[in-house]
């Protein structure tokens, strides 16, 4: 029986303005290697993944090859694709670059360098059963809604029902590709993650898979330091 083909789309097209640096955050060093290296390496090493597409900002293609793909001899990267102004546009471009024979696709933020093989495996097991799943973790803190008009707190939200979404978010390839095609054609622009795109365009339920509190997204210099500590562990 022929092995199912699975792909990873790693989105690294953001400018990282909150990092306060002229260097795009995906190329900032953690323990001597660019941050993007760690996300690509996690999927490179996973036996579930056959192809990797990296999405970068316009003009960053050669830099990505020079500083990450070629330098560390990644063999599963089939292409480095240019992203759009918004994340959903970058994901769409990445999906369109994936081999159309792909069965399942993992969509991951390049700014989450602490993703692990265990997280990838759990997500793969779930998507095979349900066709759509996202990685996340329950919130630890009390969550309150804040009124926009006066910045005063109002009701406390039920913490047992609140989860922080992470990546990868994993889908049957044709399902999420068609959802993104419809979303782009509709002119909508409010989706903040891939599950929202699917929910806007289909009735497909999305399952939650436990990720890790270590699977942080790097958005500030402090996050970069924390990620360095976590990766060393």
C-alpha atoms as a PDB file:
ATOM      1  CA  UNK A   1       0.000   0.000   0.000  1.00  0.00           C
ATOM      2  CA  UNK A   2       1.334   3.411  -0.980  1.00  0.00           C
ATOM      3  CA  UNK A   3       2.222   5.674   1.933  1.00  0.00           C
ATOM      4  CA  UNK A   4      -0.004   8.705   2.432  1.00  0.00           C
ATOM      5  CA  UNK A   5       1.814  11.941   1.652  1.00  0.00           C
ATOM      6  CA  UNK A   6       1.741  14.667   4.259  1.00  0.00           C
ATOM      7  CA  UNK A   7       3.076  18.207   4.102  1.00  0.00           C
ATOM      8  CA  UNK A   8       3.968  21.026   6.464  1.00  0.00           C
ATOM      9  CA  UNK A   9       3.457  24.695   5.589  1.00  0.00           C
ATOM     10  CA  UNK A  10       5.663  26.825   7.845  1.00  0.00           C
ATOM     11  CA  UNK A  11       4.651  30.481   7.828  1.00  0.00           C
ATOM     12  CA  UNK A  12       7.562  32.864   8.401  1.00  0.00           C
ATOM     13  CA  UNK A  13       6.494  35.966   6.497  1.00  0.00           C
ATOM     14  CA  UNK A  14       5.914  38.357   9.397  1.00  0.00           C
ATOM     15  CA  UNK A  15       7.957  41.478  10.015  1.00  0.00           C
ATOM     16  CA  UNK A  16       8.287  40.984  13.764  1.00  0.00           C
ATOM     17  CA  UNK A  17       7.983  44.700  14.555  1.00  0.00           C
ATOM     18  CA  UNK A  18       7.455  44.017  18.272  1.00  0.00           C
ATOM     19  CA  UNK A  19      10.937  42.542  18.494  1.00  0.00           C
ATOM     20  CA  UNK A  20      12.449  46.028  18.147  1.00  0.00           C
ATOM     21  CA  UNK A  21      15.069  44.861  15.654  1.00  0.00           C
ATOM     22  CA  UNK A  22      15.902  45.380  11.992  1.00  0.00           C
ATOM     23  CA  UNK A  23      16.420  41.616  11.684  1.00  0.00           C
ATOM     24  CA  UNK A  24      13.207  39.677  10.921  1.00  0.00           C
ATOM     25  CA  UNK A  25      12.551  37.553  13.985  1.00  0.00           C
ATOM     26  CA  UNK A  26      12.685  34.252  12.110  1.00  0.00           C
ATOM     27  CA  UNK A  27      16.406  34.889  11.497  1.00  0.00           C
ATOM     28  CA  UNK A  28      17.232  35.968  15.045  1.00  0.00           C
ATOM     29  CA  UNK A  29      19.563  33.512  16.722  1.00  0.00           C
ATOM     30  CA  UNK A  30      18.652  31.048  19.439  1.00  0.00           C
ATOM     31  CA  UNK A  31      21.691  29.136  20.676  1.00  0.00           C
ATOM     32  CA  UNK A  32      23.547  30.125  17.520  1.00  0.00           C
ATOM     33  CA  UNK A  33      20.898  29.091  14.997  1.00  0.00           C
ATOM     34  CA  UNK A  34      18.122  31.121  13.314  1.00  0.00           C
ATOM     35  CA  UNK A  35      14.772  30.711  15.050  1.00  0.00           C
ATOM     36  CA  UNK A  36      13.215  29.350  11.850  1.00  0.00           C
ATOM     37  CA  UNK A  37      15.713  26.478  11.901  1.00  0.00           C
ATOM     38  CA  UNK A  38      13.988  24.851  14.868  1.00  0.00           C
ATOM     39  CA  UNK A  39      10.513  24.732  13.323  1.00  0.00           C
ATOM     40  CA  UNK A  40      11.840  23.346  10.045  1.00  0.00           C
ATOM     41  CA  UNK A  41      13.974  20.786  11.879  1.00  0.00           C
ATOM     42  CA  UNK A  42      10.994  19.493  13.886  1.00  0.00           C
ATOM     43  CA  UNK A  43       9.104  18.636  10.693  1.00  0.00           C
ATOM     44  CA  UNK A  44      12.234  17.501   8.863  1.00  0.00           C
ATOM     45  CA  UNK A  45      12.788  14.873  11.548  1.00  0.00           C
ATOM     46  CA  UNK A  46       9.150  13.756  11.735  1.00  0.00           C
ATOM     47  CA  UNK A  47       8.489  10.483   9.885  1.00  0.00           C
ATOM     48  CA  UNK A  48       4.928  11.687   9.252  1.00  0.00           C
ATOM     49  CA  UNK A  49       6.090  14.556   7.021  1.00  0.00           C
ATOM     50  CA  UNK A  50       7.126  14.123   3.390  1.00  0.00           C
ATOM     51  CA  UNK A  51       7.257  17.734   2.176  1.00  0.00           C
ATOM     52  CA  UNK A  52       7.867  21.150   3.730  1.00  0.00           C
ATOM     53  CA  UNK A  53       6.895  24.497   2.198  1.00  0.00           C
ATOM     54  CA  UNK A  54       8.296  27.614   3.873  1.00  0.00           C
ATOM     55  CA  UNK A  55       6.485  30.923   3.352  1.00  0.00           C
ATOM     56  CA  UNK A  56       8.576  34.092   3.692  1.00  0.00           C
ATOM     57  CA  UNK A  57       8.200  37.820   3.109  1.00  0.00           C
ATOM     58  CA  UNK A  58       8.814  39.170  -0.410  1.00  0.00           C
ATOM     59  CA  UNK A  59      12.523  39.469  -1.057  1.00  0.00           C
ATOM     60  CA  UNK A  60      13.492  36.976   1.679  1.00  0.00           C
ATOM     61  CA  UNK A  61      13.609  33.841  -0.491  1.00  0.00           C
ATOM     62  CA  UNK A  62      17.364  33.753  -1.056  1.00  0.00           C
ATOM     63  CA  UNK A  63      18.060  34.676   2.543  1.00  0.00           C
ATOM     64  CA  UNK A  64      15.916  31.786   3.727  1.00  0.00           C
ATOM     65  CA  UNK A  65      17.844  29.372   1.527  1.00  0.00           C
ATOM     66  CA  UNK A  66      21.233  30.805   2.481  1.00  0.00           C
ATOM     67  CA  UNK A  67      20.715  31.091   6.244  1.00  0.00           C
ATOM     68  CA  UNK A  68      18.408  28.135   6.900  1.00  0.00           C
ATOM     69  CA  UNK A  69      17.523  25.648   4.156  1.00  0.00           C
ATOM     70  CA  UNK A  70      20.883  25.175   2.425  1.00  0.00           C
ATOM     71  CA  UNK A  71      23.052  25.911   5.445  1.00  0.00           C
ATOM     72  CA  UNK A  72      21.491  23.106   7.477  1.00  0.00           C
ATOM     73  CA  UNK A  73      20.887  20.745   4.549  1.00  0.00           C
ATOM     74  CA  UNK A  74      17.135  20.378   4.912  1.00  0.00           C
ATOM     75  CA  UNK A  75      16.028  17.792   2.348  1.00  0.00           C
ATOM     76  CA  UNK A  76      12.252  17.854   2.754  1.00  0.00           C
ATOM     77  CA  UNK A  77      11.832  21.540   1.834  1.00  0.00           C
ATOM     78  CA  UNK A  78      10.316  21.514  -1.654  1.00  0.00           C
ATOM     79  CA  UNK A  79       9.959  25.280  -2.032  1.00  0.00           C
ATOM     80  CA  UNK A  80      10.263  28.674  -0.368  1.00  0.00           C
ATOM     81  CA  UNK A  81       7.187  30.683  -1.291  1.00  0.00           C
ATOM     82  CA  UNK A  82       6.408  34.391  -0.959  1.00  0.00           C
ATOM     83  CA  UNK A  83       3.676  35.346   1.509  1.00  0.00           C
ATOM     84  CA  UNK A  84       1.108  38.132   1.502  1.00  0.00           C
ATOM     85  CA  UNK A  85       0.329  41.155   3.647  1.00  0.00           C
ATOM     86  CA  UNK A  86      -1.763  39.106   6.098  1.00  0.00           C
ATOM     87  CA  UNK A  87      -1.230  35.674   7.603  1.00  0.00           C
ATOM     88  CA  UNK A  88      -4.213  34.115   5.850  1.00  0.00           C
ATOM     89  CA  UNK A  89      -2.794  35.223   2.494  1.00  0.00           C
ATOM     90  CA  UNK A  90       0.570  33.687   3.347  1.00  0.00           C
ATOM     91  CA  UNK A  91      -1.034  30.393   4.375  1.00  0.00           C
ATOM     92  CA  UNK A  92      -3.038  30.314   1.147  1.00  0.00           C
ATOM     93  CA  UNK A  93       0.118  30.825  -0.912  1.00  0.00           C
ATOM     94  CA  UNK A  94       1.801  28.033   1.007  1.00  0.00           C
ATOM     95  CA  UNK A  95      -1.109  25.662   0.483  1.00  0.00           C
ATOM     96  CA  UNK A  96      -1.063  26.342  -3.243  1.00  0.00           C
ATOM     97  CA  UNK A  97       2.642  25.375  -3.349  1.00  0.00           C
ATOM     98  CA  UNK A  98       2.029  21.981  -1.736  1.00  0.00           C
ATOM     99  CA  UNK A  99       2.012  18.863  -3.909  1.00  0.00           C
ATOM    100  CA  UNK A 100      -1.703  18.350  -4.733  1.00  0.00           C
ATOM    101  CA  UNK A 101      -1.387  14.636  -3.939  1.00  0.00           C
ATOM    102  CA  UNK A 102      -0.946  15.623  -0.277  1.00  0.00           C
ATOM    103  CA  UNK A 103      -3.405  13.970   2.119  1.00  0.00           C
ATOM    104  CA  UNK A 104      -2.869  15.925   5.346  1.00  0.00           C
ATOM    105  CA  UNK A 105      -1.221  19.313   5.828  1.00  0.00           C
ATOM    106  CA  UNK A 106       0.288  20.762   9.008  1.00  0.00           C
ATOM    107  CA  UNK A 107       0.160  24.585   9.128  1.00  0.00           C
ATOM    108  CA  UNK A 108       2.710  25.927  11.587  1.00  0.00           C
ATOM    109  CA  UNK A 109       4.023  29.324  12.655  1.00  0.00           C
ATOM    110  CA  UNK A 110       7.753  29.681  12.151  1.00  0.00           C
ATOM    111  CA  UNK A 111       7.744  31.766  15.335  1.00  0.00           C
ATOM    112  CA  UNK A 112       6.953  28.644  17.411  1.00  0.00           C
ATOM    113  CA  UNK A 113      10.403  27.044  17.558  1.00  0.00           C
ATOM    114  CA  UNK A 114       9.599  24.750  20.502  1.00  0.00           C
ATOM    115  CA  UNK A 115       7.198  22.447  18.650  1.00  0.00           C
ATOM    116  CA  UNK A 116       8.064  18.815  19.364  1.00  0.00           C
ATOM    117  CA  UNK A 117       7.787  15.436  17.710  1.00  0.00           C
ATOM    118  CA  UNK A 118       5.209  14.394  20.336  1.00  0.00           C
ATOM    119  CA  UNK A 119       2.952  17.346  19.443  1.00  0.00           C
ATOM    120  CA  UNK A 120       3.223  16.543  15.741  1.00  0.00           C
ATOM    121  CA  UNK A 121       2.428  12.879  16.401  1.00  0.00           C
ATOM    122  CA  UNK A 122      -0.636  13.625  18.557  1.00  0.00           C
ATOM    123  CA  UNK A 123      -1.989  16.000  15.930  1.00  0.00           C
ATOM    124  CA  UNK A 124      -1.438  13.456  13.170  1.00  0.00           C
ATOM    125  CA  UNK A 125      -3.318  10.767  15.076  1.00  0.00           C
ATOM    126  CA  UNK A 126      -6.246  13.130  15.597  1.00  0.00           C
ATOM    127  CA  UNK A 127      -6.481  14.449  12.041  1.00  0.00           C
ATOM    128  CA  UNK A 128      -6.621  10.920  10.626  1.00  0.00           C
ATOM    129  CA  UNK A 129      -9.793  10.354  12.620  1.00  0.00           C
ATOM    130  CA  UNK A 130     -11.482  13.769  12.285  1.00  0.00           C
ATOM    131  CA  UNK A 131      -9.935  15.592   9.267  1.00  0.00           C
ATOM    132  CA  UNK A 132      -9.411  18.844  11.226  1.00  0.00           C
ATOM    133  CA  UNK A 133      -7.653  19.584  14.492  1.00  0.00           C
ATOM    134  CA  UNK A 134      -5.780  22.376  16.242  1.00  0.00           C
ATOM    135  CA  UNK A 135      -3.152  22.255  18.942  1.00  0.00           C
ATOM    136  CA  UNK A 136      -3.823  24.228  22.107  1.00  0.00           C
ATOM    137  CA  UNK A 137      -3.610  24.336  25.881  1.00  0.00           C
ATOM    138  CA  UNK A 138      -6.080  25.266  28.665  1.00  0.00           C
ATOM    139  CA  UNK A 139      -5.534  28.743  30.089  1.00  0.00           C
ATOM    140  CA  UNK A 140      -4.076  28.889  33.587  1.00  0.00           C
ATOM    141  CA  UNK A 141      -5.169  32.381  34.598  1.00  0.00           C
ATOM    142  CA  UNK A 142      -8.547  33.867  35.413  1.00  0.00           C
ATOM    143  CA  UNK A 143      -9.937  35.410  32.234  1.00  0.00           C
ATOM    144  CA  UNK A 144     -12.140  38.508  32.379  1.00  0.00           C
ATOM    145  CA  UNK A 145     -13.884  40.397  29.631  1.00  0.00           C
ATOM    146  CA  UNK A 146     -12.931  44.098  29.500  1.00  0.00           C
ATOM    147  CA  UNK A 147     -15.347  46.754  28.233  1.00  0.00           C
ATOM    148  CA  UNK A 148     -13.814  48.711  25.359  1.00  0.00           C
ATOM    149  CA  UNK A 149     -15.554  51.972  26.157  1.00  0.00           C
ATOM    150  CA  UNK A 150     -14.069  52.474  29.628  1.00  0.00           C
ATOM    151  CA  UNK A 151     -11.446  49.714  30.103  1.00  0.00           C
ATOM    152  CA  UNK A 152     -13.331  48.350  33.090  1.00  0.00           C
ATOM    153  CA  UNK A 153     -13.566  44.620  33.758  1.00  0.00           C
ATOM    154  CA  UNK A 154     -16.913  42.902  33.488  1.00  0.00           C
ATOM    155  CA  UNK A 155     -17.748  39.206  33.745  1.00  0.00           C
ATOM    156  CA  UNK A 156     -15.343  36.375  34.447  1.00  0.00           C
ATOM    157  CA  UNK A 157     -15.234  33.803  31.647  1.00  0.00           C
ATOM    158  CA  UNK A 158     -15.422  30.117  32.467  1.00  0.00           C
ATOM    159  CA  UNK A 159     -11.778  29.104  32.499  1.00  0.00           C
ATOM    160  CA  UNK A 160     -12.615  25.432  31.979  1.00  0.00           C
ATOM    161  CA  UNK A 161     -13.860  26.270  28.466  1.00  0.00           C
ATOM    162  CA  UNK A 162     -11.025  28.618  27.415  1.00  0.00           C
ATOM    163  CA  UNK A 163      -7.990  27.313  25.560  1.00  0.00           C
ATOM    164  CA  UNK A 164      -5.004  29.077  24.007  1.00  0.00           C
ATOM    165  CA  UNK A 165      -4.654  28.141  20.370  1.00  0.00           C
ATOM    166  CA  UNK A 166      -1.238  27.088  19.110  1.00  0.00           C
ATOM    167  CA  UNK A 167       0.133  25.544  15.950  1.00  0.00           C
ATOM    168  CA  UNK A 168       0.411  23.244  14.124  1.00  0.00           C
ATOM    169  CA  UNK A 169      -3.182  23.227  12.931  1.00  0.00           C
ATOM    170  CA  UNK A 170      -3.738  20.136  10.843  1.00  0.00           C
ATOM    171  CA  UNK A 171      -6.308  19.330   8.168  1.00  0.00           C
ATOM    172  CA  UNK A 172      -7.167  17.069   5.317  1.00  0.00           C
ATOM    173  CA  UNK A 173      -5.398  18.931   2.527  1.00  0.00           C
ATOM    174  CA  UNK A 174      -8.265  19.207   0.049  1.00  0.00           C
ATOM    175  CA  UNK A 175     -10.635  20.333   2.814  1.00  0.00           C
ATOM    176  CA  UNK A 176      -8.512  23.270   3.994  1.00  0.00           C
ATOM    177  CA  UNK A 177      -7.306  24.200   0.486  1.00  0.00           C
ATOM    178  CA  UNK A 178     -10.883  24.537  -0.764  1.00  0.00           C
ATOM    179  CA  UNK A 179     -11.866  26.469   2.373  1.00  0.00           C
ATOM    180  CA  UNK A 180      -9.023  28.935   1.800  1.00  0.00           C
ATOM    181  CA  UNK A 181      -9.925  29.304  -1.870  1.00  0.00           C
ATOM    182  CA  UNK A 182     -13.496  30.173  -0.884  1.00  0.00           C
ATOM    183  CA  UNK A 183     -12.347  32.498   1.886  1.00  0.00           C
ATOM    184  CA  UNK A 184     -10.033  34.440  -0.436  1.00  0.00           C
ATOM    185  CA  UNK A 185     -12.745  34.666  -3.102  1.00  0.00           C
ATOM    186  CA  UNK A 186     -15.259  35.978  -0.548  1.00  0.00           C
ATOM    187  CA  UNK A 187     -13.091  39.005   0.250  1.00  0.00           C
ATOM    188  CA  UNK A 188     -13.159  38.263   3.978  1.00  0.00           C
ATOM    189  CA  UNK A 189     -10.131  39.224   6.066  1.00  0.00           C
ATOM    190  CA  UNK A 190     -10.971  38.634   9.732  1.00  0.00           C
ATOM    191  CA  UNK A 191      -9.544  35.134  10.250  1.00  0.00           C
ATOM    192  CA  UNK A 192      -6.771  34.959  12.822  1.00  0.00           C
ATOM    193  CA  UNK A 193      -6.060  31.262  12.431  1.00  0.00           C
ATOM    194  CA  UNK A 194      -6.700  28.425  10.019  1.00  0.00           C
ATOM    195  CA  UNK A 195      -9.529  26.859  11.992  1.00  0.00           C
ATOM    196  CA  UNK A 196     -11.464  30.124  11.634  1.00  0.00           C
ATOM    197  CA  UNK A 197     -11.139  29.933   7.856  1.00  0.00           C
ATOM    198  CA  UNK A 198     -12.484  26.380   7.872  1.00  0.00           C
ATOM    199  CA  UNK A 199     -15.344  27.295  10.202  1.00  0.00           C
ATOM    200  CA  UNK A 200     -16.291  30.310   8.058  1.00  0.00           C
ATOM    201  CA  UNK A 201     -16.517  28.259   4.872  1.00  0.00           C
ATOM    202  CA  UNK A 202     -17.689  24.789   5.989  1.00  0.00           C
ATOM    203  CA  UNK A 203     -19.641  22.945   8.651  1.00  0.00           C
ATOM    204  CA  UNK A 204     -16.606  20.800   9.479  1.00  0.00           C
ATOM    205  CA  UNK A 205     -16.022  20.483  13.261  1.00  0.00           C
ATOM    206  CA  UNK A 206     -12.486  21.111  14.499  1.00  0.00           C
ATOM    207  CA  UNK A 207     -11.010  18.971  17.269  1.00  0.00           C
ATOM    208  CA  UNK A 208      -8.625  20.235  19.945  1.00  0.00           C
ATOM    209  CA  UNK A 209      -5.340  18.433  20.632  1.00  0.00           C
ATOM    210  CA  UNK A 210      -3.193  19.075  23.679  1.00  0.00           C
ATOM    211  CA  UNK A 211       0.012  20.861  22.759  1.00  0.00           C
ATOM    212  CA  UNK A 212       2.430  22.118  25.394  1.00  0.00           C
ATOM    213  CA  UNK A 213       2.885  25.222  27.507  1.00  0.00           C
ATOM    214  CA  UNK A 214       6.431  25.206  26.137  1.00  0.00           C
ATOM    215  CA  UNK A 215       5.152  25.607  22.571  1.00  0.00           C
ATOM    216  CA  UNK A 216       5.272  29.387  22.857  1.00  0.00           C
ATOM    217  CA  UNK A 217       5.027  31.933  20.077  1.00  0.00           C
ATOM    218  CA  UNK A 218       7.964  34.338  19.988  1.00  0.00           C
ATOM    219  CA  UNK A 219       6.709  37.916  19.635  1.00  0.00           C
ATOM    220  CA  UNK A 220       8.932  39.921  22.015  1.00  0.00           C
ATOM    221  CA  UNK A 221      12.639  39.896  22.987  1.00  0.00           C
ATOM    222  CA  UNK A 222      11.640  38.316  26.295  1.00  0.00           C
ATOM    223  CA  UNK A 223       9.983  35.450  24.418  1.00  0.00           C
ATOM    224  CA  UNK A 224      13.207  34.874  22.498  1.00  0.00           C
ATOM    225  CA  UNK A 225      15.113  34.433  25.762  1.00  0.00           C
ATOM    226  CA  UNK A 226      12.471  32.044  27.142  1.00  0.00           C
ATOM    227  CA  UNK A 227      12.521  29.987  23.937  1.00  0.00           C
ATOM    228  CA  UNK A 228      16.293  29.674  24.253  1.00  0.00           C
ATOM    229  CA  UNK A 229      15.947  28.237  27.749  1.00  0.00           C
ATOM    230  CA  UNK A 230      13.170  25.838  26.690  1.00  0.00           C
ATOM    231  CA  UNK A 231      15.076  24.566  23.681  1.00  0.00           C
ATOM    232  CA  UNK A 232      18.172  23.860  25.776  1.00  0.00           C
ATOM    233  CA  UNK A 233      16.017  21.723  28.076  1.00  0.00           C
END
